[in-house]
PDB file of N, CA and C in Angstrom:
ATOM      1  N   MET A   1       0.722  -1.008  -0.134  1.00  0.00           N
ATOM      2  CA  MET A   1       0.066  -0.016  -0.187  1.00  0.00           C
ATOM      3  C   MET A   1       0.866   1.332   0.029  1.00  0.00           C
ATOM      4  N   LYS A   2       0.635   2.211  -0.828  1.00  0.00           N
ATOM      5  CA  LYS A   2       1.442   3.241  -0.890  1.00  0.00           C
ATOM      6  C   LYS A   2       1.002   4.443  -0.313  1.00  0.00           C
ATOM      7  N   LEU A   3       1.706   5.004   0.637  1.00  0.00           N
ATOM      8  CA  LEU A   3       1.341   6.163   1.963  1.00  0.00           C
ATOM      9  C   LEU A   3       1.602   7.299   1.037  1.00  0.00           C
ATOM     10  N   LEU A   4       0.478   7.934   1.212  1.00  0.00           N
ATOM     11  CA  LEU A   4       0.663   9.483   0.716  1.00  0.00           C
ATOM     12  C   LEU A   4       1.145  10.112   1.304  1.00  0.00           C
ATOM     13  N   GLY A   5       2.004  11.179   1.036  1.00  0.00           N
ATOM     14  CA  GLY A   5       2.688  12.267   1.723  1.00  0.00           C
ATOM     15  C   GLY A   5       3.989  11.878   2.451  1.00  0.00           C
ATOM     16  N   ARG A   6       4.227  10.427   1.901  1.00  0.00           N
ATOM     17  CA  ARG A   6       5.691   9.875   2.667  1.00  0.00           C
ATOM     18  C   ARG A   6       6.915  10.434   1.838  1.00  0.00           C
ATOM     19  N   ARG A   7       7.978  10.650   2.297  1.00  0.00           N
ATOM     20  CA  ARG A   7       9.292  11.131   1.668  1.00  0.00           C
ATOM     21  C   ARG A   7       9.597   9.850   0.781  1.00  0.00           C
ATOM     22  N   ARG A   8      10.254  10.196  -0.052  1.00  0.00           N
ATOM     23  CA  ARG A   8      10.446   9.175  -1.343  1.00  0.00           C
ATOM     24  C   ARG A   8      12.019   9.061  -1.226  1.00  0.00           C
ATOM     25  N   SER A   9      13.092  10.194  -1.282  1.00  0.00           N
ATOM     26  CA  SER A   9      14.442  10.163  -1.560  1.00  0.00           C
ATOM     27  C   SER A   9      14.860  11.204  -0.539  1.00  0.00           C
ATOM     28  N   ALA A  10      16.330  11.057  -0.518  1.00  0.00           N
ATOM     29  CA  ALA A  10      16.641  12.512   0.195  1.00  0.00           C
ATOM     30  C   ALA A  10      17.661  13.440  -0.724  1.00  0.00           C
ATOM     31  N   GLY A  11      18.014  14.588  -0.340  1.00  0.00           N
ATOM     32  CA  GLY A  11      18.826  15.335  -1.202  1.00  0.00           C
ATOM     33  C   GLY A  11      18.113  16.124  -1.926  1.00  0.00           C
ATOM     34  N   THR A  12      18.703  16.919  -2.969  1.00  0.00           N
ATOM     35  CA  THR A  12      18.265  18.122  -3.661  1.00  0.00           C
ATOM     36  C   THR A  12      17.190  17.852  -4.404  1.00  0.00           C
ATOM     37  N   ASP A  13      16.974  16.475  -5.055  1.00  0.00           N
ATOM     38  CA  ASP A  13      16.161  16.019  -5.881  1.00  0.00           C
ATOM     39  C   ASP A  13      15.011  15.405  -5.225  1.00  0.00           C
ATOM     40  N   GLU A  14      14.962  15.598  -4.056  1.00  0.00           N
ATOM     41  CA  GLU A  14      13.700  14.848  -3.130  1.00  0.00           C
ATOM     42  C   GLU A  14      12.369  15.144  -3.740  1.00  0.00           C
ATOM     43  N   LEU A  15      11.827  13.944  -3.656  1.00  0.00           N
ATOM     44  CA  LEU A  15      10.575  13.950  -4.484  1.00  0.00           C
ATOM     45  C   LEU A  15       9.578  13.659  -3.048  1.00  0.00           C
ATOM     46  N   LEU A  16       8.396  14.326  -3.133  1.00  0.00           N
ATOM     47  CA  LEU A  16       7.239  13.929  -2.033  1.00  0.00           C
ATOM     48  C   LEU A  16       6.210  13.928  -3.047  1.00  0.00           C
ATOM     49  N   THR A  17       5.202  13.162  -2.506  1.00  0.00           N
ATOM     50  CA  THR A  17       3.916  12.605  -2.796  1.00  0.00           C
ATOM     51  C   THR A  17       2.900  13.749  -2.186  1.00  0.00           C
ATOM     52  N   CYS A  18       2.263  14.096  -3.432  1.00  0.00           N
ATOM     53  CA  CYS A  18       0.923  14.724  -3.070  1.00  0.00           C
ATOM     54  C   CYS A  18      -0.307  14.183  -2.355  1.00  0.00           C
ATOM     55  N   GLY A  19      -0.757  14.461  -1.010  1.00  0.00           N
ATOM     56  CA  GLY A  19      -1.574  13.539  -0.190  1.00  0.00           C
ATOM     57  C   GLY A  19      -3.051  13.566  -1.218  1.00  0.00           C
ATOM     58  N   CYS A  20      -3.126  14.567  -1.920  1.00  0.00           N
ATOM     59  CA  CYS A  20      -4.511  14.511  -2.825  1.00  0.00           C
ATOM     60  C   CYS A  20      -4.604  13.653  -4.184  1.00  0.00           C
ATOM     61  N   CYS A  21      -3.668  14.162  -4.675  1.00  0.00           N
ATOM     62  CA  CYS A  21      -3.505  13.460  -6.230  1.00  0.00           C
ATOM     63  C   CYS A  21      -2.650  12.414  -6.497  1.00  0.00           C
ATOM     64  N   ALA A  22      -1.574  12.029  -5.038  1.00  0.00           N
ATOM     65  CA  ALA A  22      -0.470  11.219  -5.416  1.00  0.00           C
ATOM     66  C   ALA A  22       0.494  10.884  -6.324  1.00  0.00           C
ATOM     67  N   ARG A  23       0.748  12.562  -6.957  1.00  0.00           N
ATOM     68  CA  ARG A  23       1.341  12.629  -8.185  1.00  0.00           C
ATOM     69  C   ARG A  23       3.089  12.959  -7.070  1.00  0.00           C
ATOM     70  N   GLU A  24       3.990  12.363  -7.716  1.00  0.00           N
ATOM     71  CA  GLU A  24       5.355  12.400  -6.828  1.00  0.00           C
ATOM     72  C   GLU A  24       5.995  13.807  -7.558  1.00  0.00           C
ATOM     73  N   LEU A  25       6.190  14.804  -6.762  1.00  0.00           N
ATOM     74  CA  LEU A  25       6.969  16.189  -7.109  1.00  0.00           C
ATOM     75  C   LEU A  25       7.984  16.449  -6.382  1.00  0.00           C
ATOM     76  N   PRO A  26       8.868  17.538  -6.987  1.00  0.00           N
ATOM     77  CA  PRO A  26       9.981  17.943  -6.222  1.00  0.00           C
ATOM     78  C   PRO A  26       9.365  18.850  -4.830  1.00  0.00           C
ATOM     79  N   ARG A  27      10.382  18.647  -3.873  1.00  0.00           N
ATOM     80  CA  ARG A  27      10.020  19.559  -2.896  1.00  0.00           C
ATOM     81  C   ARG A  27       9.510  20.894  -2.987  1.00  0.00           C
ATOM     82  N   THR A  28      10.232  21.418  -4.021  1.00  0.00           N
ATOM     83  CA  THR A  28       9.719  23.056  -4.124  1.00  0.00           C
ATOM     84  C   THR A  28       8.357  23.067  -4.734  1.00  0.00           C
ATOM     85  N   ALA A  29       7.738  22.371  -5.124  1.00  0.00           N
ATOM     86  CA  ALA A  29       6.461  21.904  -5.935  1.00  0.00           C
ATOM     87  C   ALA A  29       5.328  21.239  -5.103  1.00  0.00           C
ATOM     88  N   VAL A  30       5.498  21.130  -3.718  1.00  0.00           N
ATOM     89  CA  VAL A  30       4.489  20.856  -2.729  1.00  0.00           C
ATOM     90  C   VAL A  30       4.572  21.743  -1.507  1.00  0.00           C
ATOM     91  N   HIS A  31       3.410  21.918  -0.580  1.00  0.00           N
ATOM     92  CA  HIS A  31       3.660  22.254   0.695  1.00  0.00           C
ATOM     93  C   HIS A  31       3.122  21.773   1.707  1.00  0.00           C
ATOM     94  N   GLU A  32       3.516  21.695   3.004  1.00  0.00           N
ATOM     95  CA  GLU A  32       3.219  20.815   4.018  1.00  0.00           C
ATOM     96  C   GLU A  32       2.133  21.250   4.476  1.00  0.00           C
ATOM     97  N   LEU A  33       1.105  20.756   4.913  1.00  0.00           N
ATOM     98  CA  LEU A  33      -0.259  21.173   5.655  1.00  0.00           C
ATOM     99  C   LEU A  33       0.105  21.358   6.761  1.00  0.00           C
ATOM    100  N   GLY A  34      -0.326  22.550   7.424  1.00  0.00           N
ATOM    101  CA  GLY A  34      -0.128  22.994   8.582  1.00  0.00           C
ATOM    102  C   GLY A  34      -0.690  21.940   9.869  1.00  0.00           C
ATOM    103  N   GLY A  35      -1.957  21.569   9.811  1.00  0.00           N
ATOM    104  CA  GLY A  35      -2.594  20.905  10.588  1.00  0.00           C
ATOM    105  C   GLY A  35      -1.967  18.917  10.851  1.00  0.00           C
ATOM    106  N   THR A  36      -1.441  18.789   9.819  1.00  0.00           N
ATOM    107  CA  THR A  36      -1.195  17.547   9.303  1.00  0.00           C
ATOM    108  C   THR A  36       0.075  17.480   8.908  1.00  0.00           C
ATOM    109  N   PRO A  37       1.116  17.126   9.853  1.00  0.00           N
ATOM    110  CA  PRO A  37       3.081  17.482   9.511  1.00  0.00           C
ATOM    111  C   PRO A  37       3.035  15.892   8.792  1.00  0.00           C
ATOM    112  N   GLY A  38       3.977  16.039   7.723  1.00  0.00           N
ATOM    113  CA  GLY A  38       4.221  15.084   7.002  1.00  0.00           C
ATOM    114  C   GLY A  38       3.188  14.726   5.646  1.00  0.00           C
ATOM    115  N   VAL A  39       2.140  15.413   5.692  1.00  0.00           N
ATOM    116  CA  VAL A  39       1.469  15.408   4.668  1.00  0.00           C
ATOM    117  C   VAL A  39       1.321  16.451   3.786  1.00  0.00           C
ATOM    118  N   TYR A  40       1.671  16.440   2.228  1.00  0.00           N
ATOM    119  CA  TYR A  40       1.729  17.331   1.236  1.00  0.00           C
ATOM    120  C   TYR A  40       0.976  17.442   0.384  1.00  0.00           C
ATOM    121  N   VAL A  41       0.760  18.721  -0.134  1.00  0.00           N
ATOM    122  CA  VAL A  41      -0.178  18.968  -1.198  1.00  0.00           C
ATOM    123  C   VAL A  41       0.468  19.858  -2.370  1.00  0.00           C
ATOM    124  N   CYS A  42       0.048  19.320  -3.551  1.00  0.00           N
ATOM    125  CA  CYS A  42       0.726  20.235  -4.768  1.00  0.00           C
ATOM    126  C   CYS A  42      -0.111  21.322  -5.105  1.00  0.00           C
ATOM    127  N   ARG A  43       0.945  22.362  -5.795  1.00  0.00           N
ATOM    128  CA  ARG A  43       0.071  23.641  -5.924  1.00  0.00           C
ATOM    129  C   ARG A  43      -1.369  23.332  -6.689  1.00  0.00           C
ATOM    130  N   ARG A  44      -1.605  22.517  -7.816  1.00  0.00           N
ATOM    131  CA  ARG A  44      -2.621  22.240  -8.327  1.00  0.00           C
ATOM    132  C   ARG A  44      -3.666  21.995  -7.345  1.00  0.00           C
ATOM    133  N   CYS A  45      -3.532  21.213  -6.598  1.00  0.00           N
ATOM    134  CA  CYS A  45      -4.539  20.416  -5.661  1.00  0.00           C
ATOM    135  C   CYS A  45      -4.803  21.545  -4.632  1.00  0.00           C
ATOM    136  N   ALA A  46      -3.742  22.714  -4.258  1.00  0.00           N
ATOM    137  CA  ALA A  46      -3.934  23.472  -3.457  1.00  0.00           C
ATOM    138  C   ALA A  46      -5.135  24.669  -4.052  1.00  0.00           C
ATOM    139  N   ALA A  47      -4.700  24.648  -5.102  1.00  0.00           N
ATOM    140  CA  ALA A  47      -5.797  25.729  -5.433  1.00  0.00           C
ATOM    141  C   ALA A  47      -7.018  25.352  -5.772  1.00  0.00           C
ATOM    142  N   TRP A  48      -6.962  23.899  -6.351  1.00  0.00           N
ATOM    143  CA  TRP A  48      -8.505  23.272  -6.361  1.00  0.00           C
ATOM    144  C   TRP A  48      -9.195  23.337  -5.012  1.00  0.00           C
ATOM    145  N   MET A  49      -8.571  23.083  -3.812  1.00  0.00           N
ATOM    146  CA  MET A  49      -9.344  22.949  -2.650  1.00  0.00           C
ATOM    147  C   MET A  49      -9.834  24.633  -2.250  1.00  0.00           C
ATOM    148  N   ALA A  50      -8.698  25.399  -2.462  1.00  0.00           N
ATOM    149  CA  ALA A  50      -9.233  27.081  -2.315  1.00  0.00           C
ATOM    150  C   ALA A  50     -10.388  27.374  -3.019  1.00  0.00           C
ATOM    151  N   THR A  51     -10.287  27.200  -4.297  1.00  0.00           N
ATOM    152  CA  THR A  51     -11.542  27.586  -5.035  1.00  0.00           C
ATOM    153  C   THR A  51     -12.855  26.805  -4.601  1.00  0.00           C
ATOM    154  N   ARG A  52     -12.487  25.377  -4.107  1.00  0.00           N
ATOM    155  CA  ARG A  52     -13.945  24.886  -3.636  1.00  0.00           C
ATOM    156  C   ARG A  52     -14.515  25.364  -1.961  1.00  0.00           C
ATOM    157  N   ILE A  53     -13.432  25.844  -1.426  1.00  0.00           N
ATOM    158  CA  ILE A  53     -13.748  26.304   0.052  1.00  0.00           C
ATOM    159  C   ILE A  53     -14.701  27.696  -0.563  1.00  0.00           C
ATOM    160  N   GLY A  54     -14.035  28.607  -1.414  1.00  0.00           N
ATOM    161  CA  GLY A  54     -14.718  30.041  -1.533  1.00  0.00           C
ATOM    162  C   GLY A  54     -15.781  29.650  -2.217  1.00  0.00           C
ATOM    163  N   ARG A  55     -16.578  28.319  -2.655  1.00  0.00           N
ATOM    164  CA  ARG A  55     -17.882  28.397  -3.093  1.00  0.00           C
ATOM    165  C   ARG A  55     -18.751  27.868  -1.974  1.00  0.00           C
ATOM    166  N   LYS A  56     -18.502  27.638  -0.956  1.00  0.00           N
ATOM    167  CA  LYS A  56     -19.553  27.221  -0.223  1.00  0.00           C
ATOM    168  C   LYS A  56     -19.911  28.493   0.890  1.00  0.00           C
TER     169      LYS A  56
END
């Protein structure tokens, strides 16, 4: 079973998995969620989430 948000490798080319879409992206393309340490979200999913929150 693949764990979302889990670190994949170390170093400057470190890839992290988006906890929403499960894409593996460089550390610079994802952001850690404040309330859930170790869970990362990519910019595309973060923008989608922000749009969804604004509609309610």
